Full PDB file with SEQRES, HELIX, SHEET, SSBOND, CRYST1, ORIGX, SCALE, CONECT and MASTER records, all heavy atoms in Angstrom:
SEQRES   1 A   34  LYS GLY LEU LEU SER LEU VAL ASN GLY VAL GLU ILE SER          
SEQRES   2 A   34  GLY THR ASN GLU ASP GLY TYR GLU GLN LEU ARG ASP LEU          
SEQRES   3 A   34  LEU ASP ILE GLU LYS ALA ILE ASP                              
HELIX    1 AA1 ASN A   16  LEU A   27  1                                  12    
CRYST1    1.000    1.000    1.000  90.00  90.00  90.00 P 1           1          
ORIGX1      1.000000  0.000000  0.000000        0.00000                         
ORIGX2      0.000000  1.000000  0.000000        0.00000                         
ORIGX3      0.000000  0.000000  1.000000        0.00000                         
SCALE1      1.000000  0.000000  0.000000        0.00000                         
SCALE2      0.000000  1.000000  0.000000        0.00000                         
SCALE3      0.000000  0.000000  1.000000        0.00000                         
ATOM      1  N   LYS A   1     110.700 118.510  93.422  1.00  0.00           N  
ATOM      2  CA  LYS A   1     109.581 117.716  92.952  1.00  0.00           C  
ATOM      3  C   LYS A   1     108.533 117.584  94.056  1.00  0.00           C  
ATOM      4  O   LYS A   1     108.886 117.487  95.207  1.00  0.00           O  
ATOM      5  CB  LYS A   1     110.058 116.292  92.557  1.00  0.00           C  
ATOM      6  CG  LYS A   1     111.001 116.221  91.415  1.00  0.00           C  
ATOM      7  CD  LYS A   1     111.401 114.788  91.133  1.00  0.00           C  
ATOM      8  CE  LYS A   1     112.346 114.695  89.959  1.00  0.00           C  
ATOM      9  NZ  LYS A   1     112.798 113.276  89.765  1.00  0.00           N  
ATOM     10  N   GLY A   2     107.274 117.542  93.657  1.00  0.00           N  
ATOM     11  CA  GLY A   2     106.233 117.317  94.641  1.00  0.00           C  
ATOM     12  C   GLY A   2     106.231 115.826  95.012  1.00  0.00           C  
ATOM     13  O   GLY A   2     106.864 114.961  94.445  1.00  0.00           O  
ATOM     14  N   LEU A   3     105.457 115.553  96.092  1.00  0.00           N  
ATOM     15  CA  LEU A   3     105.351 114.157  96.593  1.00  0.00           C  
ATOM     16  C   LEU A   3     104.492 113.313  95.659  1.00  0.00           C  
ATOM     17  O   LEU A   3     103.400 113.734  95.291  1.00  0.00           O  
ATOM     18  CB  LEU A   3     104.771 114.158  97.997  1.00  0.00           C  
ATOM     19  CG  LEU A   3     104.649 112.842  98.729  1.00  0.00           C  
ATOM     20  CD1 LEU A   3     106.035 112.282  98.992  1.00  0.00           C  
ATOM     21  CD2 LEU A   3     103.879 112.986 100.049  1.00  0.00           C  
ATOM     22  N   LEU A   4     104.963 112.149  95.252  1.00  0.00           N  
ATOM     23  CA  LEU A   4     104.179 111.281  94.403  1.00  0.00           C  
ATOM     24  C   LEU A   4     103.009 110.727  95.101  1.00  0.00           C  
ATOM     25  O   LEU A   4     102.984 110.533  96.315  1.00  0.00           O  
ATOM     26  CB  LEU A   4     105.082 110.124  93.907  1.00  0.00           C  
ATOM     27  CG  LEU A   4     106.239 110.480  92.950  1.00  0.00           C  
ATOM     28  CD1 LEU A   4     106.979 109.201  92.629  1.00  0.00           C  
ATOM     29  CD2 LEU A   4     105.628 111.076  91.623  1.00  0.00           C  
ATOM     30  N   SER A   5     101.901 110.480  94.340  1.00  0.00           N  
ATOM     31  CA  SER A   5     100.703 109.974  94.949  1.00  0.00           C  
ATOM     32  C   SER A   5     100.747 108.432  95.183  1.00  0.00           C  
ATOM     33  O   SER A   5      99.830 107.853  95.710  1.00  0.00           O  
ATOM     34  CB  SER A   5      99.515 110.252  94.070  1.00  0.00           C  
ATOM     35  OG  SER A   5      99.622 109.615  92.804  1.00  0.00           O  
ATOM     36  N   LEU A   6     101.858 107.790  94.799  1.00  0.00           N  
ATOM     37  CA  LEU A   6     102.045 106.365  95.054  1.00  0.00           C  
ATOM     38  C   LEU A   6     103.355 106.182  95.817  1.00  0.00           C  
ATOM     39  O   LEU A   6     104.427 106.645  95.371  1.00  0.00           O  
ATOM     40  CB  LEU A   6     102.178 105.593  93.721  1.00  0.00           C  
ATOM     41  CG  LEU A   6     102.524 104.101  93.850  1.00  0.00           C  
ATOM     42  CD1 LEU A   6     101.430 103.341  94.648  1.00  0.00           C  
ATOM     43  CD2 LEU A   6     102.713 103.481  92.491  1.00  0.00           C  
ATOM     44  N   VAL A   7     103.279 105.468  96.942  1.00  0.00           N  
ATOM     45  CA  VAL A   7     104.463 105.138  97.778  1.00  0.00           C  
ATOM     46  C   VAL A   7     104.628 103.636  97.674  1.00  0.00           C  
ATOM     47  O   VAL A   7     103.768 102.899  98.166  1.00  0.00           O  
ATOM     48  CB  VAL A   7     104.339 105.595  99.227  1.00  0.00           C  
ATOM     49  CG1 VAL A   7     105.509 105.109 100.021  1.00  0.00           C  
ATOM     50  CG2 VAL A   7     104.247 107.094  99.281  1.00  0.00           C  
ATOM     51  N   ASN A   8     105.698 103.199  97.046  1.00  0.00           N  
ATOM     52  CA  ASN A   8     105.956 101.786  96.904  1.00  0.00           C  
ATOM     53  C   ASN A   8     106.736 101.263  98.118  1.00  0.00           C  
ATOM     54  O   ASN A   8     107.903 101.430  98.247  1.00  0.00           O  
ATOM     55  CB  ASN A   8     106.781 101.508  95.647  1.00  0.00           C  
ATOM     56  CG  ASN A   8     106.892 100.014  95.301  1.00  0.00           C  
ATOM     57  OD1 ASN A   8     106.950  99.170  96.230  1.00  0.00           O  
ATOM     58  ND2 ASN A   8     106.939  99.725  94.041  1.00  0.00           N  
ATOM     59  N   GLY A   9     105.956 100.682  99.062  1.00  0.00           N  
ATOM     60  CA  GLY A   9     106.583 100.211 100.302  1.00  0.00           C  
ATOM     61  C   GLY A   9     107.678  99.200 100.108  1.00  0.00           C  
ATOM     62  O   GLY A   9     108.579  99.119 100.928  1.00  0.00           O  
ATOM     63  N   VAL A  10     107.527  98.387  99.055  1.00  0.00           N  
ATOM     64  CA  VAL A  10     108.499  97.362  98.830  1.00  0.00           C  
ATOM     65  C   VAL A  10     109.867  97.982  98.479  1.00  0.00           C  
ATOM     66  O   VAL A  10     110.902  97.576  98.946  1.00  0.00           O  
ATOM     67  CB  VAL A  10     108.063  96.418  97.667  1.00  0.00           C  
ATOM     68  CG1 VAL A  10     109.141  95.411  97.379  1.00  0.00           C  
ATOM     69  CG2 VAL A  10     106.755  95.725  98.057  1.00  0.00           C  
ATOM     70  N   GLU A  11     109.803  99.076  97.656  1.00  0.00           N  
ATOM     71  CA  GLU A  11     111.059  99.702  97.232  1.00  0.00           C  
ATOM     72  C   GLU A  11     111.789 100.397  98.361  1.00  0.00           C  
ATOM     73  O   GLU A  11     112.992 100.476  98.382  1.00  0.00           O  
ATOM     74  CB  GLU A  11     110.769 100.667  96.100  1.00  0.00           C  
ATOM     75  CG  GLU A  11     110.411 100.037  94.766  1.00  0.00           C  
ATOM     76  CD  GLU A  11     110.207 101.065  93.656  1.00  0.00           C  
ATOM     77  OE1 GLU A  11     110.285 102.277  93.964  1.00  0.00           O  
ATOM     78  OE2 GLU A  11     109.989 100.646  92.517  1.00  0.00           O  
ATOM     79  N   ILE A  12     111.053 100.949  99.307  1.00  0.00           N  
ATOM     80  CA  ILE A  12     111.684 101.745 100.338  1.00  0.00           C  
ATOM     81  C   ILE A  12     111.755 100.955 101.688  1.00  0.00           C  
ATOM     82  O   ILE A  12     112.084 101.506 102.725  1.00  0.00           O  
ATOM     83  CB  ILE A  12     110.902 103.062 100.618  1.00  0.00           C  
ATOM     84  CG1 ILE A  12     109.463 102.764 101.151  1.00  0.00           C  
ATOM     85  CG2 ILE A  12     110.815 103.885  99.337  1.00  0.00           C  
ATOM     86  CD1 ILE A  12     108.707 103.971 101.678  1.00  0.00           C  
ATOM     87  N   SER A  13     111.528  99.623 101.601  1.00  0.00           N  
ATOM     88  CA  SER A  13     111.483  98.794 102.813  1.00  0.00           C  
ATOM     89  C   SER A  13     110.503  99.385 103.847  1.00  0.00           C  
ATOM     90  O   SER A  13     110.812  99.520 105.030  1.00  0.00           O  
ATOM     91  CB  SER A  13     112.892  98.705 103.461  1.00  0.00           C  
ATOM     92  OG  SER A  13     113.782  98.094 102.581  1.00  0.00           O  
ATOM     93  N   GLY A  14     109.344  99.705 103.338  1.00  0.00           N  
ATOM     94  CA  GLY A  14     108.280 100.316 104.135  1.00  0.00           C  
ATOM     95  C   GLY A  14     106.973  99.600 103.992  1.00  0.00           C  
ATOM     96  O   GLY A  14     105.972 100.234 103.585  1.00  0.00           O  
ATOM     97  N   THR A  15     106.975  98.286 104.251  1.00  0.00           N  
ATOM     98  CA  THR A  15     105.731  97.503 104.193  1.00  0.00           C  
ATOM     99  C   THR A  15     105.278  97.103 105.587  1.00  0.00           C  
ATOM    100  O   THR A  15     105.965  97.332 106.555  1.00  0.00           O  
ATOM    101  CB  THR A  15     105.926  96.234 103.321  1.00  0.00           C  
ATOM    102  OG1 THR A  15     106.914  95.416 104.008  1.00  0.00           O  
ATOM    103  CG2 THR A  15     106.466  96.580 101.939  1.00  0.00           C  
ATOM    104  N   ASN A  16     104.102  96.533 105.658  1.00  0.00           N  
ATOM    105  CA  ASN A  16     103.620  96.021 106.928  1.00  0.00           C  
ATOM    106  C   ASN A  16     104.583  94.981 107.521  1.00  0.00           C  
ATOM    107  O   ASN A  16     104.830  94.951 108.719  1.00  0.00           O  
ATOM    108  CB  ASN A  16     102.218  95.343 106.740  1.00  0.00           C  
ATOM    109  CG  ASN A  16     101.075  96.312 106.745  1.00  0.00           C  
ATOM    110  OD1 ASN A  16     101.242  97.451 107.242  1.00  0.00           O  
ATOM    111  ND2 ASN A  16      99.976  95.945 106.216  1.00  0.00           N  
ATOM    112  N   GLU A  17     105.144  94.166 106.625  1.00  0.00           N  
ATOM    113  CA  GLU A  17     106.094  93.165 107.090  1.00  0.00           C  
ATOM    114  C   GLU A  17     107.347  93.864 107.672  1.00  0.00           C  
ATOM    115  O   GLU A  17     107.857  93.419 108.709  1.00  0.00           O  
ATOM    116  CB  GLU A  17     106.523  92.251 105.962  1.00  0.00           C  
ATOM    117  CG  GLU A  17     105.411  91.362 105.401  1.00  0.00           C  
ATOM    118  CD  GLU A  17     104.600  91.987 104.271  1.00  0.00           C  
ATOM    119  OE1 GLU A  17     104.651  93.223 104.140  1.00  0.00           O  
ATOM    120  OE2 GLU A  17     103.905  91.251 103.560  1.00  0.00           O  
ATOM    121  N   ASP A  18     107.772  94.938 107.057  1.00  0.00           N  
ATOM    122  CA  ASP A  18     108.922  95.684 107.574  1.00  0.00           C  
ATOM    123  C   ASP A  18     108.622  96.280 108.945  1.00  0.00           C  
ATOM    124  O   ASP A  18     109.478  96.227 109.868  1.00  0.00           O  
ATOM    125  CB  ASP A  18     109.377  96.799 106.605  1.00  0.00           C  
ATOM    126  CG  ASP A  18     109.931  96.219 105.300  1.00  0.00           C  
ATOM    127  OD1 ASP A  18     110.889  95.453 105.402  1.00  0.00           O  
ATOM    128  OD2 ASP A  18     109.410  96.586 104.265  1.00  0.00           O  
ATOM    129  N   GLY A  19     107.389  96.828 109.023  1.00  0.00           N  
ATOM    130  CA  GLY A  19     106.990  97.392 110.327  1.00  0.00           C  
ATOM    131  C   GLY A  19     106.951  96.415 111.455  1.00  0.00           C  
ATOM    132  O   GLY A  19     107.421  96.635 112.579  1.00  0.00           O  
ATOM    133  N   TYR A  20     106.458  95.195 111.117  1.00  0.00           N  
ATOM    134  CA  TYR A  20     106.413  94.130 112.128  1.00  0.00           C  
ATOM    135  C   TYR A  20     107.818  93.667 112.572  1.00  0.00           C  
ATOM    136  O   TYR A  20     108.112  93.552 113.741  1.00  0.00           O  
ATOM    137  CB  TYR A  20     105.670  92.914 111.528  1.00  0.00           C  
ATOM    138  CG  TYR A  20     105.695  91.665 112.427  1.00  0.00           C  
ATOM    139  CD1 TYR A  20     104.827  91.546 113.486  1.00  0.00           C  
ATOM    140  CD2 TYR A  20     106.611  90.686 112.168  1.00  0.00           C  
ATOM    141  CE1 TYR A  20     104.869  90.441 114.299  1.00  0.00           C  
ATOM    142  CE2 TYR A  20     106.683  89.566 112.984  1.00  0.00           C  
ATOM    143  CZ  TYR A  20     105.803  89.435 114.040  1.00  0.00           C  
ATOM    144  OH  TYR A  20     105.865  88.316 114.893  1.00  0.00           O  
ATOM    145  N   GLU A  21     108.694  93.500 111.556  1.00  0.00           N  
ATOM    146  CA  GLU A  21     110.039  93.037 111.856  1.00  0.00           C  
ATOM    147  C   GLU A  21     110.838  94.071 112.641  1.00  0.00           C  
ATOM    148  O   GLU A  21     111.638  93.704 113.519  1.00  0.00           O  
ATOM    149  CB  GLU A  21     110.744  92.654 110.559  1.00  0.00           C  
ATOM    150  CG  GLU A  21     110.175  91.484 109.870  1.00  0.00           C  
ATOM    151  CD  GLU A  21     110.554  91.374 108.380  1.00  0.00           C  
ATOM    152  OE1 GLU A  21     111.386  92.181 107.979  1.00  0.00           O  
ATOM    153  OE2 GLU A  21     110.032  90.453 107.697  1.00  0.00           O  
ATOM    154  N   GLN A  22     110.649  95.331 112.328  1.00  0.00           N  
ATOM    155  CA  GLN A  22     111.353  96.391 113.044  1.00  0.00           C  
ATOM    156  C   GLN A  22     110.958  96.431 114.507  1.00  0.00           C  
ATOM    157  O   GLN A  22     111.878  96.519 115.403  1.00  0.00           O  
ATOM    158  CB  GLN A  22     111.042  97.779 112.420  1.00  0.00           C  
ATOM    159  CG  GLN A  22     111.690  97.978 111.058  1.00  0.00           C  
ATOM    160  CD  GLN A  22     111.000  99.095 110.270  1.00  0.00           C  
ATOM    161  OE1 GLN A  22     110.006  99.668 110.707  1.00  0.00           O  
ATOM    162  NE2 GLN A  22     111.591  99.395 109.134  1.00  0.00           N  
ATOM    163  N   LEU A  23     109.675  96.297 114.808  1.00  0.00           N  
ATOM    164  CA  LEU A  23     109.257  96.336 116.234  1.00  0.00           C  
ATOM    165  C   LEU A  23     109.653  95.029 116.932  1.00  0.00           C  
ATOM    166  O   LEU A  23     110.096  95.083 118.090  1.00  0.00           O  
ATOM    167  CB  LEU A  23     107.770  96.540 116.293  1.00  0.00           C  
ATOM    168  CG  LEU A  23     107.157  96.738 117.688  1.00  0.00           C  
ATOM    169  CD1 LEU A  23     107.777  97.954 118.338  1.00  0.00           C  
ATOM    170  CD2 LEU A  23     105.636  96.898 117.619  1.00  0.00           C  
ATOM    171  N   ARG A  24     109.567  93.925 116.258  1.00  0.00           N  
ATOM    172  CA  ARG A  24     109.968  92.633 116.824  1.00  0.00           C  
ATOM    173  C   ARG A  24     111.423  92.625 117.233  1.00  0.00           C  
ATOM    174  O   ARG A  24     111.805  92.236 118.342  1.00  0.00           O  
ATOM    175  CB  ARG A  24     109.688  91.495 115.822  1.00  0.00           C  
ATOM    176  CG  ARG A  24     110.121  90.100 116.276  1.00  0.00           C  
ATOM    177  CD  ARG A  24     110.244  89.139 115.137  1.00  0.00           C  
ATOM    178  NE  ARG A  24     111.306  89.601 114.214  1.00  0.00           N  
ATOM    179  CZ  ARG A  24     111.474  89.134 112.962  1.00  0.00           C  
ATOM    180  NH1 ARG A  24     110.632  88.268 112.486  1.00  0.00           N  
ATOM    181  NH2 ARG A  24     112.426  89.595 112.191  1.00  0.00           N  
ATOM    182  N   ASP A  25     112.245  93.109 116.315  1.00  0.00           N  
ATOM    183  CA  ASP A  25     113.735  93.139 116.576  1.00  0.00           C  
ATOM    184  C   ASP A  25     114.064  94.106 117.698  1.00  0.00           C  
ATOM    185  O   ASP A  25     115.015  93.888 118.450  1.00  0.00           O  
ATOM    186  CB  ASP A  25     114.487  93.474 115.309  1.00  0.00           C  
ATOM    187  CG  ASP A  25     114.308  92.389 114.207  1.00  0.00           C  
ATOM    188  OD1 ASP A  25     113.841  91.271 114.538  1.00  0.00           O  
ATOM    189  OD2 ASP A  25     114.619  92.699 113.036  1.00  0.00           O  
ATOM    190  N   LEU A  26     113.344  95.169 117.774  1.00  0.00           N  
ATOM    191  CA  LEU A  26     113.648  96.229 118.759  1.00  0.00           C  
ATOM    192  C   LEU A  26     113.223  95.792 120.165  1.00  0.00           C  
ATOM    193  O   LEU A  26     113.990  96.001 121.125  1.00  0.00           O  
ATOM    194  CB  LEU A  26     112.871  97.495 118.367  1.00  0.00           C  
ATOM    195  CG  LEU A  26     113.482  98.835 118.876  1.00  0.00           C  
ATOM    196  CD1 LEU A  26     114.902  99.059 118.449  1.00  0.00           C  
ATOM    197  CD2 LEU A  26     112.586  99.997 118.395  1.00  0.00           C  
ATOM    198  N   LEU A  27     112.086  95.191 120.312  1.00  0.00           N  
ATOM    199  CA  LEU A  27     111.571  94.792 121.613  1.00  0.00           C  
ATOM    200  C   LEU A  27     111.832  93.383 121.999  1.00  0.00           C  
ATOM    201  O   LEU A  27     111.583  92.932 123.127  1.00  0.00           O  
ATOM    202  CB  LEU A  27     110.043  95.077 121.708  1.00  0.00           C  
ATOM    203  CG  LEU A  27     109.615  96.519 121.486  1.00  0.00           C  
ATOM    204  CD1 LEU A  27     108.091  96.606 121.672  1.00  0.00           C  
ATOM    205  CD2 LEU A  27     110.295  97.484 122.399  1.00  0.00           C  
ATOM    206  N   ASP A  28     112.306  92.595 121.002  1.00  0.00           N  
ATOM    207  CA  ASP A  28     112.618  91.162 121.243  1.00  0.00           C  
ATOM    208  C   ASP A  28     111.415  90.346 121.643  1.00  0.00           C  
ATOM    209  O   ASP A  28     111.489  89.423 122.425  1.00  0.00           O  
ATOM    210  CB  ASP A  28     113.746  91.035 122.383  1.00  0.00           C  
ATOM    211  CG  ASP A  28     115.016  91.625 121.919  1.00  0.00           C  
ATOM    212  OD1 ASP A  28     115.373  91.495 120.790  1.00  0.00           O  
ATOM    213  OD2 ASP A  28     115.679  92.255 122.833  1.00  0.00           O  
ATOM    214  N   ILE A  29     110.250  90.717 121.100  1.00  0.00           N  
ATOM    215  CA  ILE A  29     109.058  89.927 121.269  1.00  0.00           C  
ATOM    216  C   ILE A  29     108.246  89.888 120.011  1.00  0.00           C  
ATOM    217  O   ILE A  29     108.287  90.773 119.170  1.00  0.00           O  
ATOM    218  CB  ILE A  29     108.119  90.487 122.436  1.00  0.00           C  
ATOM    219  CG1 ILE A  29     107.731  91.947 122.175  1.00  0.00           C  
ATOM    220  CG2 ILE A  29     108.798  90.325 123.767  1.00  0.00           C  
ATOM    221  CD1 ILE A  29     106.779  92.500 123.187  1.00  0.00           C  
ATOM    222  N   GLU A  30     107.545  88.806 119.790  1.00  0.00           N  
ATOM    223  CA  GLU A  30     106.700  88.653 118.651  1.00  0.00           C  
ATOM    224  C   GLU A  30     105.325  89.329 118.792  1.00  0.00           C  
ATOM    225  O   GLU A  30     104.738  89.301 119.880  1.00  0.00           O  
ATOM    226  CB  GLU A  30     106.464  87.190 118.320  1.00  0.00           C  
ATOM    227  CG  GLU A  30     107.691  86.376 117.995  1.00  0.00           C  
ATOM    228  CD  GLU A  30     108.196  86.615 116.578  1.00  0.00           C  
ATOM    229  OE1 GLU A  30     107.430  87.220 115.785  1.00  0.00           O  
ATOM    230  OE2 GLU A  30     109.298  86.187 116.225  1.00  0.00           O  
ATOM    231  N   LYS A  31     104.879  89.950 117.764  1.00  0.00           N  
ATOM    232  CA  LYS A  31     103.506  90.575 117.714  1.00  0.00           C  
ATOM    233  C   LYS A  31     103.201  91.425 118.968  1.00  0.00           C  
ATOM    234  O   LYS A  31     102.213  91.206 119.670  1.00  0.00           O  
ATOM    235  CB  LYS A  31     102.459  89.455 117.555  1.00  0.00           C  
ATOM    236  CG  LYS A  31     101.181  89.941 116.921  1.00  0.00           C  
ATOM    237  CD  LYS A  31     100.254  88.770 116.623  1.00  0.00           C  
ATOM    238  CE  LYS A  31      98.987  89.297 115.945  1.00  0.00           C  
ATOM    239  NZ  LYS A  31      98.042  88.244 115.659  1.00  0.00           N  
ATOM    240  N   ALA A  32     104.069  92.377 119.179  1.00  0.00           N  
ATOM    241  CA  ALA A  32     103.829  93.324 120.318  1.00  0.00           C  
ATOM    242  C   ALA A  32     102.563  94.104 120.065  1.00  0.00           C  
ATOM    243  O   ALA A  32     101.852  94.479 120.987  1.00  0.00           O  
ATOM    244  CB  ALA A  32     105.044  94.230 120.479  1.00  0.00           C  
ATOM    245  N   ILE A  33     102.279  94.434 118.799  1.00  0.00           N  
ATOM    246  CA  ILE A  33     101.095  95.203 118.394  1.00  0.00           C  
ATOM    247  C   ILE A  33     100.731  94.856 117.034  1.00  0.00           C  
ATOM    248  O   ILE A  33     101.540  94.419 116.231  1.00  0.00           O  
ATOM    249  CB  ILE A  33     101.396  96.744 118.587  1.00  0.00           C  
ATOM    250  CG1 ILE A  33     100.118  97.558 118.448  1.00  0.00           C  
ATOM    251  CG2 ILE A  33     102.401  97.176 117.506  1.00  0.00           C  
ATOM    252  CD1 ILE A  33     100.333  99.039 118.723  1.00  0.00           C  
ATOM    253  N   ASP A  34      99.424  94.900 116.728  1.00  0.00           N  
ATOM    254  CA  ASP A  34      98.953  94.520 115.390  1.00  0.00           C  
ATOM    255  C   ASP A  34      99.293  95.626 114.359  1.00  0.00           C  
ATOM    256  O   ASP A  34      98.968  96.801 114.592  1.00  0.00           O  
ATOM    257  CB  ASP A  34      97.436  94.319 115.365  1.00  0.00           C  
ATOM    258  CG  ASP A  34      97.071  93.060 116.177  1.00  0.00           C  
ATOM    259  OD1 ASP A  34      97.914  92.146 116.272  1.00  0.00           O  
ATOM    260  OD2 ASP A  34      95.933  93.003 116.725  1.00  0.00           O  
TER     261      ASP A  34                                                      
MASTER        0    0    0    1    0    0    0    6  260    1    0    3          
END                                                                             
């Protein structure tokens, strides 16, 4: 199948919130980068 033109970040745990939490947990600091 080809790549869909819509990526549902909520379904794949790939939202801005997920990105923030991943970096926070990895570096142990809040808001390391916007």
